[in-house]
C-alpha atoms as a PDB file:
ATOM      1  CA  UNK A   1      22.226  -6.341 -17.640  1.00  0.00           C
ATOM      2  CA  UNK A   2      21.634  -6.158 -13.878  1.00  0.00           C
ATOM      3  CA  UNK A   3      18.471  -4.297 -13.004  1.00  0.00           C
ATOM      4  CA  UNK A   4      18.684  -1.380 -10.591  1.00  0.00           C
ATOM      5  CA  UNK A   5      16.420  -2.093  -7.623  1.00  0.00           C
ATOM      6  CA  UNK A   6      15.561   0.374  -4.863  1.00  0.00           C
ATOM      7  CA  UNK A   7      13.940  -0.637  -1.578  1.00  0.00           C
ATOM      8  CA  UNK A   8      11.938   2.223  -0.050  1.00  0.00           C
ATOM      9  CA  UNK A   9      10.963   1.982   3.627  1.00  0.00           C
ATOM     10  CA  UNK A  10       8.957   4.650   5.420  1.00  0.00           C
ATOM     11  CA  UNK A  11       9.549   4.738   9.181  1.00  0.00           C
ATOM     12  CA  UNK A  12       7.730   6.348  12.046  1.00  0.00           C
ATOM     13  CA  UNK A  13       8.596   5.308  15.604  1.00  0.00           C
ATOM     14  CA  UNK A  14       9.673   1.948  14.234  1.00  0.00           C
ATOM     15  CA  UNK A  15      12.439   0.986  16.662  1.00  0.00           C
ATOM     16  CA  UNK A  16      10.523  -2.186  17.554  1.00  0.00           C
ATOM     17  CA  UNK A  17      10.884  -3.571  14.013  1.00  0.00           C
ATOM     18  CA  UNK A  18      13.555  -1.652  12.097  1.00  0.00           C
ATOM     19  CA  UNK A  19      16.572  -3.832  12.931  1.00  0.00           C
ATOM     20  CA  UNK A  20      14.842  -7.007  11.804  1.00  0.00           C
ATOM     21  CA  UNK A  21      13.388  -5.284   8.749  1.00  0.00           C
ATOM     22  CA  UNK A  22      16.736  -3.923   7.535  1.00  0.00           C
ATOM     23  CA  UNK A  23      18.703  -7.061   8.451  1.00  0.00           C
ATOM     24  CA  UNK A  24      16.359  -9.101   6.258  1.00  0.00           C
ATOM     25  CA  UNK A  25      16.469  -6.655   3.336  1.00  0.00           C
ATOM     26  CA  UNK A  26      20.275  -6.504   3.349  1.00  0.00           C
ATOM     27  CA  UNK A  27      20.432 -10.284   2.868  1.00  0.00           C
ATOM     28  CA  UNK A  28      18.854  -9.918  -0.576  1.00  0.00           C
ATOM     29  CA  UNK A  29      20.213 -12.305  -3.192  1.00  0.00           C
ATOM     30  CA  UNK A  30      20.405  -9.477  -5.738  1.00  0.00           C
ATOM     31  CA  UNK A  31      22.049  -6.047  -5.373  1.00  0.00           C
ATOM     32  CA  UNK A  32      19.740  -3.376  -3.959  1.00  0.00           C
ATOM     33  CA  UNK A  33      19.793   0.250  -2.876  1.00  0.00           C
ATOM     34  CA  UNK A  34      17.927   0.972   0.361  1.00  0.00           C
ATOM     35  CA  UNK A  35      16.257   4.293   1.126  1.00  0.00           C
ATOM     36  CA  UNK A  36      14.654   4.941   4.504  1.00  0.00           C
ATOM     37  CA  UNK A  37      12.360   7.955   4.714  1.00  0.00           C
ATOM     38  CA  UNK A  38      11.784   8.779   8.359  1.00  0.00           C
ATOM     39  CA  UNK A  39       8.596  10.657   9.200  1.00  0.00           C
ATOM     40  CA  UNK A  40      10.035  12.682  12.103  1.00  0.00           C
ATOM     41  CA  UNK A  41      10.148   9.772  14.559  1.00  0.00           C
ATOM     42  CA  UNK A  42      10.177  10.641  18.258  1.00  0.00           C
ATOM     43  CA  UNK A  43      11.728   7.347  19.405  1.00  0.00           C
ATOM     44  CA  UNK A  44      15.260   6.083  18.604  1.00  0.00           C
ATOM     45  CA  UNK A  45      14.534   4.757  15.092  1.00  0.00           C
ATOM     46  CA  UNK A  46      16.868   7.276  13.460  1.00  0.00           C
ATOM     47  CA  UNK A  47      19.642   6.637  15.995  1.00  0.00           C
ATOM     48  CA  UNK A  48      19.468   2.871  15.363  1.00  0.00           C
ATOM     49  CA  UNK A  49      19.770   3.341  11.605  1.00  0.00           C
ATOM     50  CA  UNK A  50      22.664   5.787  11.871  1.00  0.00           C
ATOM     51  CA  UNK A  51      24.577   3.651  14.361  1.00  0.00           C
ATOM     52  CA  UNK A  52      24.012   0.179  12.913  1.00  0.00           C
ATOM     53  CA  UNK A  53      23.187   0.528   9.198  1.00  0.00           C
ATOM     54  CA  UNK A  54      25.731   2.825   7.576  1.00  0.00           C
ATOM     55  CA  UNK A  55      24.973   1.417   4.101  1.00  0.00           C
ATOM     56  CA  UNK A  56      21.400   2.691   4.352  1.00  0.00           C
ATOM     57  CA  UNK A  57      20.532   6.113   2.956  1.00  0.00           C
ATOM     58  CA  UNK A  58      18.398   7.876   5.512  1.00  0.00           C
ATOM     59  CA  UNK A  59      16.199  10.812   4.519  1.00  0.00           C
ATOM     60  CA  UNK A  60      14.929  12.562   7.637  1.00  0.00           C
ATOM     61  CA  UNK A  61      11.725  14.573   7.225  1.00  0.00           C
ATOM     62  CA  UNK A  62      10.843  17.591   9.343  1.00  0.00           C
ATOM     63  CA  UNK A  63       7.221  16.480   9.732  1.00  0.00           C
ATOM     64  CA  UNK A  64       5.137  13.331   9.480  1.00  0.00           C
ATOM     65  CA  UNK A  65       4.254  13.213   5.786  1.00  0.00           C
ATOM     66  CA  UNK A  66       2.151  10.078   6.105  1.00  0.00           C
ATOM     67  CA  UNK A  67       2.677   6.871   4.146  1.00  0.00           C
ATOM     68  CA  UNK A  68       1.953   8.083   0.633  1.00  0.00           C
ATOM     69  CA  UNK A  69       3.811  11.400   0.574  1.00  0.00           C
ATOM     70  CA  UNK A  70       6.852   9.883   2.315  1.00  0.00           C
ATOM     71  CA  UNK A  71       6.994   7.077  -0.241  1.00  0.00           C
ATOM     72  CA  UNK A  72       6.769   9.740  -2.940  1.00  0.00           C
ATOM     73  CA  UNK A  73       9.998  11.271  -1.611  1.00  0.00           C
ATOM     74  CA  UNK A  74      11.785   7.958  -2.091  1.00  0.00           C
ATOM     75  CA  UNK A  75      10.170   7.198  -5.440  1.00  0.00           C
ATOM     76  CA  UNK A  76      11.184  10.571  -6.904  1.00  0.00           C
ATOM     77  CA  UNK A  77      14.775  10.127  -5.783  1.00  0.00           C
ATOM     78  CA  UNK A  78      14.967   6.552  -7.095  1.00  0.00           C
ATOM     79  CA  UNK A  79      13.440   7.597 -10.433  1.00  0.00           C
ATOM     80  CA  UNK A  80      15.991  10.398 -10.810  1.00  0.00           C
ATOM     81  CA  UNK A  81      18.793   7.927 -10.109  1.00  0.00           C
ATOM     82  CA  UNK A  82      17.615   5.567 -12.843  1.00  0.00           C
ATOM     83  CA  UNK A  83      15.886   2.834 -10.854  1.00  0.00           C
ATOM     84  CA  UNK A  84      14.249   0.005 -12.795  1.00  0.00           C
ATOM     85  CA  UNK A  85      12.320  -1.408  -9.828  1.00  0.00           C
ATOM     86  CA  UNK A  86      10.967  -0.038  -6.557  1.00  0.00           C
ATOM     87  CA  UNK A  87      10.095  -2.242  -3.588  1.00  0.00           C
ATOM     88  CA  UNK A  88       7.796  -0.410  -1.182  1.00  0.00           C
ATOM     89  CA  UNK A  89       8.159  -2.135   2.176  1.00  0.00           C
ATOM     90  CA  UNK A  90       6.562  -1.500   5.563  1.00  0.00           C
ATOM     91  CA  UNK A  91       8.862  -0.958   8.546  1.00  0.00           C
ATOM     92  CA  UNK A  92       7.166  -3.926  10.257  1.00  0.00           C
ATOM     93  CA  UNK A  93       7.738  -6.334   7.363  1.00  0.00           C
ATOM     94  CA  UNK A  94      10.542  -8.879   6.954  1.00  0.00           C
ATOM     95  CA  UNK A  95      11.421 -10.238   3.520  1.00  0.00           C
ATOM     96  CA  UNK A  96      12.700 -13.658   2.526  1.00  0.00           C
ATOM     97  CA  UNK A  97      16.279 -13.324   1.255  1.00  0.00           C
ATOM     98  CA  UNK A  98      15.403 -14.213  -2.367  1.00  0.00           C
ATOM     99  CA  UNK A  99      11.957 -12.577  -2.381  1.00  0.00           C
ATOM    100  CA  UNK A 100      13.001  -9.446  -4.282  1.00  0.00           C
ATOM    101  CA  UNK A 101      14.741 -11.522  -6.939  1.00  0.00           C
ATOM    102  CA  UNK A 102      11.642 -13.680  -7.415  1.00  0.00           C
ATOM    103  CA  UNK A 103       9.322 -10.686  -7.702  1.00  0.00           C
ATOM    104  CA  UNK A 104      11.591  -9.072 -10.299  1.00  0.00           C
ATOM    105  CA  UNK A 105      11.524 -12.314 -12.316  1.00  0.00           C
ATOM    106  CA  UNK A 106       7.712 -12.206 -12.361  1.00  0.00           C
ATOM    107  CA  UNK A 107       7.802  -8.638 -13.658  1.00  0.00           C
ATOM    108  CA  UNK A 108      10.384  -9.473 -16.311  1.00  0.00           C
ATOM    109  CA  UNK A 109       8.012 -12.050 -17.806  1.00  0.00           C
ATOM    110  CA  UNK A 110       5.275  -9.484 -18.543  1.00  0.00           C
ATOM    111  CA  UNK A 111       6.347  -5.966 -17.631  1.00  0.00           C
ATOM    112  CA  UNK A 112       3.927  -3.966 -19.764  1.00  0.00           C
ATOM    113  CA  UNK A 113       0.729  -5.586 -18.493  1.00  0.00           C
ATOM    114  CA  UNK A 114       1.789  -5.897 -14.852  1.00  0.00           C
ATOM    115  CA  UNK A 115       1.675  -2.911 -12.514  1.00  0.00           C
ATOM    116  CA  UNK A 116       2.308  -4.455  -9.083  1.00  0.00           C
ATOM    117  CA  UNK A 117       3.781  -7.747  -7.914  1.00  0.00           C
ATOM    118  CA  UNK A 118       3.461  -8.779  -4.279  1.00  0.00           C
ATOM    119  CA  UNK A 119       4.428 -11.949  -2.380  1.00  0.00           C
ATOM    120  CA  UNK A 120       2.334 -13.883   0.117  1.00  0.00           C
ATOM    121  CA  UNK A 121       1.894 -11.858   3.319  1.00  0.00           C
ATOM    122  CA  UNK A 122       2.366 -13.961   6.446  1.00  0.00           C
ATOM    123  CA  UNK A 123       1.915 -13.294  10.137  1.00  0.00           C
ATOM    124  CA  UNK A 124       4.778 -13.969  12.551  1.00  0.00           C
ATOM    125  CA  UNK A 125       3.031 -17.280  13.316  1.00  0.00           C
ATOM    126  CA  UNK A 126       3.425 -18.230   9.606  1.00  0.00           C
ATOM    127  CA  UNK A 127      -0.297 -18.047   8.897  1.00  0.00           C
ATOM    128  CA  UNK A 128      -1.531 -15.808   6.109  1.00  0.00           C
ATOM    129  CA  UNK A 129      -1.814 -12.218   7.363  1.00  0.00           C
ATOM    130  CA  UNK A 130      -5.462 -11.513   8.243  1.00  0.00           C
ATOM    131  CA  UNK A 131      -5.734  -8.400   6.071  1.00  0.00           C
ATOM    132  CA  UNK A 132      -3.975 -10.009   3.121  1.00  0.00           C
ATOM    133  CA  UNK A 133      -6.218 -13.072   3.304  1.00  0.00           C
ATOM    134  CA  UNK A 134      -9.329 -10.896   3.454  1.00  0.00           C
ATOM    135  CA  UNK A 135      -8.253  -8.897   0.411  1.00  0.00           C
ATOM    136  CA  UNK A 136      -7.449 -12.003  -1.612  1.00  0.00           C
ATOM    137  CA  UNK A 137     -10.818 -13.498  -0.707  1.00  0.00           C
ATOM    138  CA  UNK A 138     -12.622 -10.329  -1.813  1.00  0.00           C
ATOM    139  CA  UNK A 139     -10.586  -9.344  -4.867  1.00  0.00           C
ATOM    140  CA  UNK A 140      -9.148 -12.524  -6.435  1.00  0.00           C
ATOM    141  CA  UNK A 141     -11.082 -15.303  -8.161  1.00  0.00           C
ATOM    142  CA  UNK A 142     -12.318 -18.144  -5.957  1.00  0.00           C
ATOM    143  CA  UNK A 143      -9.854 -20.479  -7.690  1.00  0.00           C
ATOM    144  CA  UNK A 144      -6.927 -18.154  -6.968  1.00  0.00           C
ATOM    145  CA  UNK A 145      -8.084 -17.647  -3.391  1.00  0.00           C
ATOM    146  CA  UNK A 146      -8.226 -21.393  -2.735  1.00  0.00           C
ATOM    147  CA  UNK A 147      -4.821 -21.915  -4.362  1.00  0.00           C
ATOM    148  CA  UNK A 148      -3.237 -19.159  -2.256  1.00  0.00           C
ATOM    149  CA  UNK A 149      -4.975 -20.406   0.885  1.00  0.00           C
ATOM    150  CA  UNK A 150      -3.481 -23.865   0.328  1.00  0.00           C
ATOM    151  CA  UNK A 151      -0.047 -22.322  -0.443  1.00  0.00           C
ATOM    152  CA  UNK A 152      -0.016 -23.760  -3.962  1.00  0.00           C
ATOM    153  CA  UNK A 153       2.992 -22.279  -5.721  1.00  0.00           C
ATOM    154  CA  UNK A 154       2.189 -20.071  -8.686  1.00  0.00           C
ATOM    155  CA  UNK A 155       1.477 -16.519  -9.796  1.00  0.00           C
ATOM    156  CA  UNK A 156      -2.103 -15.333  -9.391  1.00  0.00           C
ATOM    157  CA  UNK A 157      -4.020 -12.298 -10.581  1.00  0.00           C
ATOM    158  CA  UNK A 158      -5.990 -10.180  -8.130  1.00  0.00           C
ATOM    159  CA  UNK A 159      -7.730  -6.810  -8.143  1.00  0.00           C
ATOM    160  CA  UNK A 160      -6.127  -5.577  -4.923  1.00  0.00           C
ATOM    161  CA  UNK A 161      -3.339  -6.286  -2.459  1.00  0.00           C
ATOM    162  CA  UNK A 162      -2.370  -4.001   0.426  1.00  0.00           C
ATOM    163  CA  UNK A 163       0.841  -2.005   0.123  1.00  0.00           C
ATOM    164  CA  UNK A 164       2.862  -3.590   2.939  1.00  0.00           C
ATOM    165  CA  UNK A 165       5.097  -5.044   0.240  1.00  0.00           C
ATOM    166  CA  UNK A 166       4.701  -3.891  -3.364  1.00  0.00           C
ATOM    167  CA  UNK A 167       7.183  -4.213  -6.195  1.00  0.00           C
ATOM    168  CA  UNK A 168       6.656  -1.594  -8.909  1.00  0.00           C
ATOM    169  CA  UNK A 169       8.570  -1.256 -12.148  1.00  0.00           C
ATOM    170  CA  UNK A 170       9.626   1.983 -13.800  1.00  0.00           C
ATOM    171  CA  UNK A 171       6.838   1.731 -16.367  1.00  0.00           C
ATOM    172  CA  UNK A 172       4.261   1.545 -13.554  1.00  0.00           C
ATOM    173  CA  UNK A 173       5.516   4.707 -11.857  1.00  0.00           C
ATOM    174  CA  UNK A 174       5.963   6.681 -15.068  1.00  0.00           C
ATOM    175  CA  UNK A 175       2.452   5.687 -16.198  1.00  0.00           C
ATOM    176  CA  UNK A 176       0.374   5.742 -12.997  1.00  0.00           C
ATOM    177  CA  UNK A 177       2.460   8.301 -11.116  1.00  0.00           C
ATOM    178  CA  UNK A 178       2.987   8.644  -7.378  1.00  0.00           C
ATOM    179  CA  UNK A 179       0.629   8.335  -4.410  1.00  0.00           C
ATOM    180  CA  UNK A 180      -2.269  10.770  -4.290  1.00  0.00           C
ATOM    181  CA  UNK A 181      -1.574  13.345  -1.517  1.00  0.00           C
ATOM    182  CA  UNK A 182      -5.320  13.468  -0.797  1.00  0.00           C
ATOM    183  CA  UNK A 183      -4.763  10.304   1.267  1.00  0.00           C
ATOM    184  CA  UNK A 184      -2.264  10.981   4.090  1.00  0.00           C
ATOM    185  CA  UNK A 185      -2.577   7.560   5.729  1.00  0.00           C
ATOM    186  CA  UNK A 186      -4.889   4.703   4.709  1.00  0.00           C
ATOM    187  CA  UNK A 187      -6.524   4.559   1.302  1.00  0.00           C
ATOM    188  CA  UNK A 188      -3.514   5.628  -0.738  1.00  0.00           C
ATOM    189  CA  UNK A 189      -3.038   2.013  -1.873  1.00  0.00           C
ATOM    190  CA  UNK A 190      -6.708   1.729  -2.919  1.00  0.00           C
ATOM    191  CA  UNK A 191      -6.441   4.969  -4.876  1.00  0.00           C
ATOM    192  CA  UNK A 192      -3.207   3.865  -6.571  1.00  0.00           C
ATOM    193  CA  UNK A 193      -4.788   0.543  -7.555  1.00  0.00           C
ATOM    194  CA  UNK A 194      -7.811   2.333  -9.052  1.00  0.00           C
ATOM    195  CA  UNK A 195      -5.464   4.413 -11.191  1.00  0.00           C
ATOM    196  CA  UNK A 196      -3.486   1.299 -12.099  1.00  0.00           C
ATOM    197  CA  UNK A 197      -6.679  -0.250 -13.495  1.00  0.00           C
ATOM    198  CA  UNK A 198      -7.491   2.985 -15.339  1.00  0.00           C
ATOM    199  CA  UNK A 199      -4.246   2.581 -17.292  1.00  0.00           C
ATOM    200  CA  UNK A 200      -4.881  -1.118 -17.971  1.00  0.00           C
ATOM    201  CA  UNK A 201      -2.238  -2.581 -15.662  1.00  0.00           C
ATOM    202  CA  UNK A 202      -2.756  -5.592 -13.406  1.00  0.00           C
ATOM    203  CA  UNK A 203      -1.721  -6.934 -10.004  1.00  0.00           C
ATOM    204  CA  UNK A 204      -0.072 -10.303  -9.459  1.00  0.00           C
ATOM    205  CA  UNK A 205       0.640 -12.302  -6.326  1.00  0.00           C
ATOM    206  CA  UNK A 206       3.766 -14.460  -6.388  1.00  0.00           C
ATOM    207  CA  UNK A 207       2.834 -17.370  -4.131  1.00  0.00           C
ATOM    208  CA  UNK A 208       6.249 -19.011  -4.043  1.00  0.00           C
ATOM    209  CA  UNK A 209       7.816 -16.365  -1.854  1.00  0.00           C
ATOM    210  CA  UNK A 210       6.653 -14.418   1.182  1.00  0.00           C
ATOM    211  CA  UNK A 211       7.011 -11.437   3.487  1.00  0.00           C
ATOM    212  CA  UNK A 212       6.271 -11.532   7.207  1.00  0.00           C
ATOM    213  CA  UNK A 213       4.003  -8.673   8.305  1.00  0.00           C
ATOM    214  CA  UNK A 214       4.586  -8.252  12.027  1.00  0.00           C
ATOM    215  CA  UNK A 215       1.342  -6.619  13.164  1.00  0.00           C
ATOM    216  CA  UNK A 216      -1.685  -7.346  15.292  1.00  0.00           C
ATOM    217  CA  UNK A 217      -3.837  -9.938  13.555  1.00  0.00           C
ATOM    218  CA  UNK A 218      -7.120  -8.143  14.189  1.00  0.00           C
ATOM    219  CA  UNK A 219      -8.761  -4.858  13.235  1.00  0.00           C
ATOM    220  CA  UNK A 220      -8.211  -1.781  15.404  1.00  0.00           C
ATOM    221  CA  UNK A 221     -11.692  -0.718  16.584  1.00  0.00           C
ATOM    222  CA  UNK A 222     -10.772   2.516  18.386  1.00  0.00           C
ATOM    223  CA  UNK A 223     -13.059   5.386  17.379  1.00  0.00           C
ATOM    224  CA  UNK A 224     -10.295   7.479  15.818  1.00  0.00           C
ATOM    225  CA  UNK A 225      -9.193   4.582  13.622  1.00  0.00           C
ATOM    226  CA  UNK A 226     -12.763   3.793  12.640  1.00  0.00           C
ATOM    227  CA  UNK A 227     -13.371   7.396  11.572  1.00  0.00           C
ATOM    228  CA  UNK A 228     -10.179   7.415   9.500  1.00  0.00           C
ATOM    229  CA  UNK A 229     -11.091   4.149   7.786  1.00  0.00           C
ATOM    230  CA  UNK A 230     -14.659   5.233   7.053  1.00  0.00           C
ATOM    231  CA  UNK A 231     -13.457   8.605   5.745  1.00  0.00           C
ATOM    232  CA  UNK A 232     -11.016   6.852   3.428  1.00  0.00           C
ATOM    233  CA  UNK A 233     -13.800   4.561   2.247  1.00  0.00           C
ATOM    234  CA  UNK A 234     -15.983   7.507   1.187  1.00  0.00           C
ATOM    235  CA  UNK A 235     -13.034   9.388  -0.319  1.00  0.00           C
ATOM    236  CA  UNK A 236     -11.813   6.439  -2.385  1.00  0.00           C
ATOM    237  CA  UNK A 237     -15.261   5.847  -3.905  1.00  0.00           C
ATOM    238  CA  UNK A 238     -15.670   9.470  -4.950  1.00  0.00           C
ATOM    239  CA  UNK A 239     -12.094   9.826  -6.214  1.00  0.00           C
ATOM    240  CA  UNK A 240     -12.170   6.546  -8.192  1.00  0.00           C
ATOM    241  CA  UNK A 241     -11.050   7.426 -11.725  1.00  0.00           C
ATOM    242  CA  UNK A 242     -12.972   4.437 -13.080  1.00  0.00           C
ATOM    243  CA  UNK A 243     -16.366   5.689 -11.850  1.00  0.00           C
ATOM    244  CA  UNK A 244     -18.543   8.499 -13.183  1.00  0.00           C
ATOM    245  CA  UNK A 245     -19.594  11.183 -10.663  1.00  0.00           C
ATOM    246  CA  UNK A 246     -23.159   9.816 -10.757  1.00  0.00           C
ATOM    247  CA  UNK A 247     -22.047   6.236 -10.085  1.00  0.00           C
ATOM    248  CA  UNK A 248     -19.779   7.428  -7.270  1.00  0.00           C
ATOM    249  CA  UNK A 249     -22.638   9.410  -5.704  1.00  0.00           C
ATOM    250  CA  UNK A 250     -24.972   6.407  -5.843  1.00  0.00           C
ATOM    251  CA  UNK A 251     -22.292   4.189  -4.292  1.00  0.00           C
ATOM    252  CA  UNK A 252     -21.521   6.481  -1.348  1.00  0.00           C
ATOM    253  CA  UNK A 253     -25.190   7.294  -0.752  1.00  0.00           C
ATOM    254  CA  UNK A 254     -26.033   3.598  -0.639  1.00  0.00           C
ATOM    255  CA  UNK A 255     -23.123   2.949   1.731  1.00  0.00           C
ATOM    256  CA  UNK A 256     -24.117   5.781   4.064  1.00  0.00           C
ATOM    257  CA  UNK A 257     -27.797   4.812   4.290  1.00  0.00           C
ATOM    258  CA  UNK A 258     -27.223   1.072   4.509  1.00  0.00           C
ATOM    259  CA  UNK A 259     -24.492   1.221   7.154  1.00  0.00           C
ATOM    260  CA  UNK A 260     -26.204   3.900   9.261  1.00  0.00           C
ATOM    261  CA  UNK A 261     -29.405   1.858   9.435  1.00  0.00           C
ATOM    262  CA  UNK A 262     -27.543  -1.388  10.119  1.00  0.00           C
ATOM    263  CA  UNK A 263     -25.423   0.042  12.930  1.00  0.00           C
ATOM    264  CA  UNK A 264     -28.462   1.809  14.397  1.00  0.00           C
ATOM    265  CA  UNK A 265     -30.505  -1.419  14.438  1.00  0.00           C
ATOM    266  CA  UNK A 266     -27.652  -3.463  15.916  1.00  0.00           C
ATOM    267  CA  UNK A 267     -26.743  -0.831  18.510  1.00  0.00           C
ATOM    268  CA  UNK A 268     -23.189  -0.373  17.254  1.00  0.00           C
ATOM    269  CA  UNK A 269     -23.093   3.302  18.124  1.00  0.00           C
ATOM    270  CA  UNK A 270     -19.353   3.818  17.693  1.00  0.00           C
ATOM    271  CA  UNK A 271     -19.418   2.527  14.121  1.00  0.00           C
ATOM    272  CA  UNK A 272     -22.560   4.549  13.323  1.00  0.00           C
ATOM    273  CA  UNK A 273     -20.861   7.701  14.619  1.00  0.00           C
ATOM    274  CA  UNK A 274     -17.741   6.969  12.547  1.00  0.00           C
ATOM    275  CA  UNK A 275     -19.770   6.506   9.353  1.00  0.00           C
ATOM    276  CA  UNK A 276     -21.624   9.790   9.832  1.00  0.00           C
ATOM    277  CA  UNK A 277     -18.515  11.813  10.738  1.00  0.00           C
ATOM    278  CA  UNK A 278     -16.861  10.409   7.594  1.00  0.00           C
ATOM    279  CA  UNK A 279     -19.945  11.213   5.498  1.00  0.00           C
ATOM    280  CA  UNK A 280     -19.800  14.845   6.643  1.00  0.00           C
ATOM    281  CA  UNK A 281     -16.034  15.004   6.019  1.00  0.00           C
ATOM    282  CA  UNK A 282     -16.521  13.795   2.447  1.00  0.00           C
ATOM    283  CA  UNK A 283     -18.852  16.707   1.641  1.00  0.00           C
ATOM    284  CA  UNK A 284     -16.558  19.234   3.318  1.00  0.00           C
ATOM    285  CA  UNK A 285     -13.679  17.993   1.137  1.00  0.00           C
ATOM    286  CA  UNK A 286     -15.639  17.347  -2.063  1.00  0.00           C
ATOM    287  CA  UNK A 287     -13.921  20.042  -4.143  1.00  0.00           C
ATOM    288  CA  UNK A 288     -10.472  18.666  -3.227  1.00  0.00           C
ATOM    289  CA  UNK A 289     -11.634  15.109  -3.959  1.00  0.00           C
ATOM    290  CA  UNK A 290     -12.939  15.994  -7.434  1.00  0.00           C
ATOM    291  CA  UNK A 291      -9.770  17.973  -8.217  1.00  0.00           C
ATOM    292  CA  UNK A 292      -7.649  14.976  -7.218  1.00  0.00           C
ATOM    293  CA  UNK A 293      -9.794  12.749  -9.417  1.00  0.00           C
ATOM    294  CA  UNK A 294      -9.067  14.948 -12.455  1.00  0.00           C
ATOM    295  CA  UNK A 295      -5.352  15.012 -11.682  1.00  0.00           C
ATOM    296  CA  UNK A 296      -5.226  11.234 -11.193  1.00  0.00           C
ATOM    297  CA  UNK A 297      -6.284  10.623 -14.804  1.00  0.00           C
ATOM    298  CA  UNK A 298      -3.085  12.225 -16.054  1.00  0.00           C
ATOM    299  CA  UNK A 299      -0.169  10.000 -16.976  1.00  0.00           C
ATOM    300  CA  UNK A 300       2.546  10.247 -14.351  1.00  0.00           C
ATOM    301  CA  UNK A 301       0.264  12.065 -11.897  1.00  0.00           C
ATOM    302  CA  UNK A 302       1.979  13.723  -8.873  1.00  0.00           C
ATOM    303  CA  UNK A 303       5.492  13.146 -10.225  1.00  0.00           C
END
């Protein structure tokens, strides 16, 4: 029986990419349903979708919900409509026409041990995306990393892959739940992966298909971005359902001391400021973080 697959795309001021993103998705070799959740864009993203993509279901939000909460809107709707699979796709990502079919096939081979399947993430220049490559290097085995780096076809286990292109199955969503609303933008994928591990599910990279992630191939070092990333880093350690409160405290304390001293010695004042603002923010939000941690241990959290 044909599986029911939903593609969920969150947009915010995405007119630069949305045509190419949707054109690629609609060439899928298997039937799909496409949901676009627009986070109150102020450019002409919504107008483009309405005028040129009538087959797309557009859900316009009255505020910017962020990545996680907006995806939750689409996931809830798809669940209620009986979806078997959910492809979470960035607005700046372009899929290969048979990518979705290949990812579904990987899931079908081992659905109850697999939580996420993702393809190779490429840059527009056809190199591996810088963030994807960094995550594979840090979270996959050295053998898997070398195989992926050399584009050796296969399916490889890893402990993390960023959420620019995730395929989830119904069992994953019903078990792990939705994205944690504690993380409005950045960190929601880390938190979801921690919960995935808590329930004994794994992550697989399908290296015989790819998605193009059309973004700058370097890290944004503006102060605001640095503060957000450092805040997420502290939050995700303390909210990790796989760590005891004592272990989490030791981890964040070590991070704060080590990074503050390092950035002070090396004169990287902007990074030192970001770390300390984030450290303060973690303590201000500690009650909310610990509450989210308790909720995240529940099956089907945030559904």
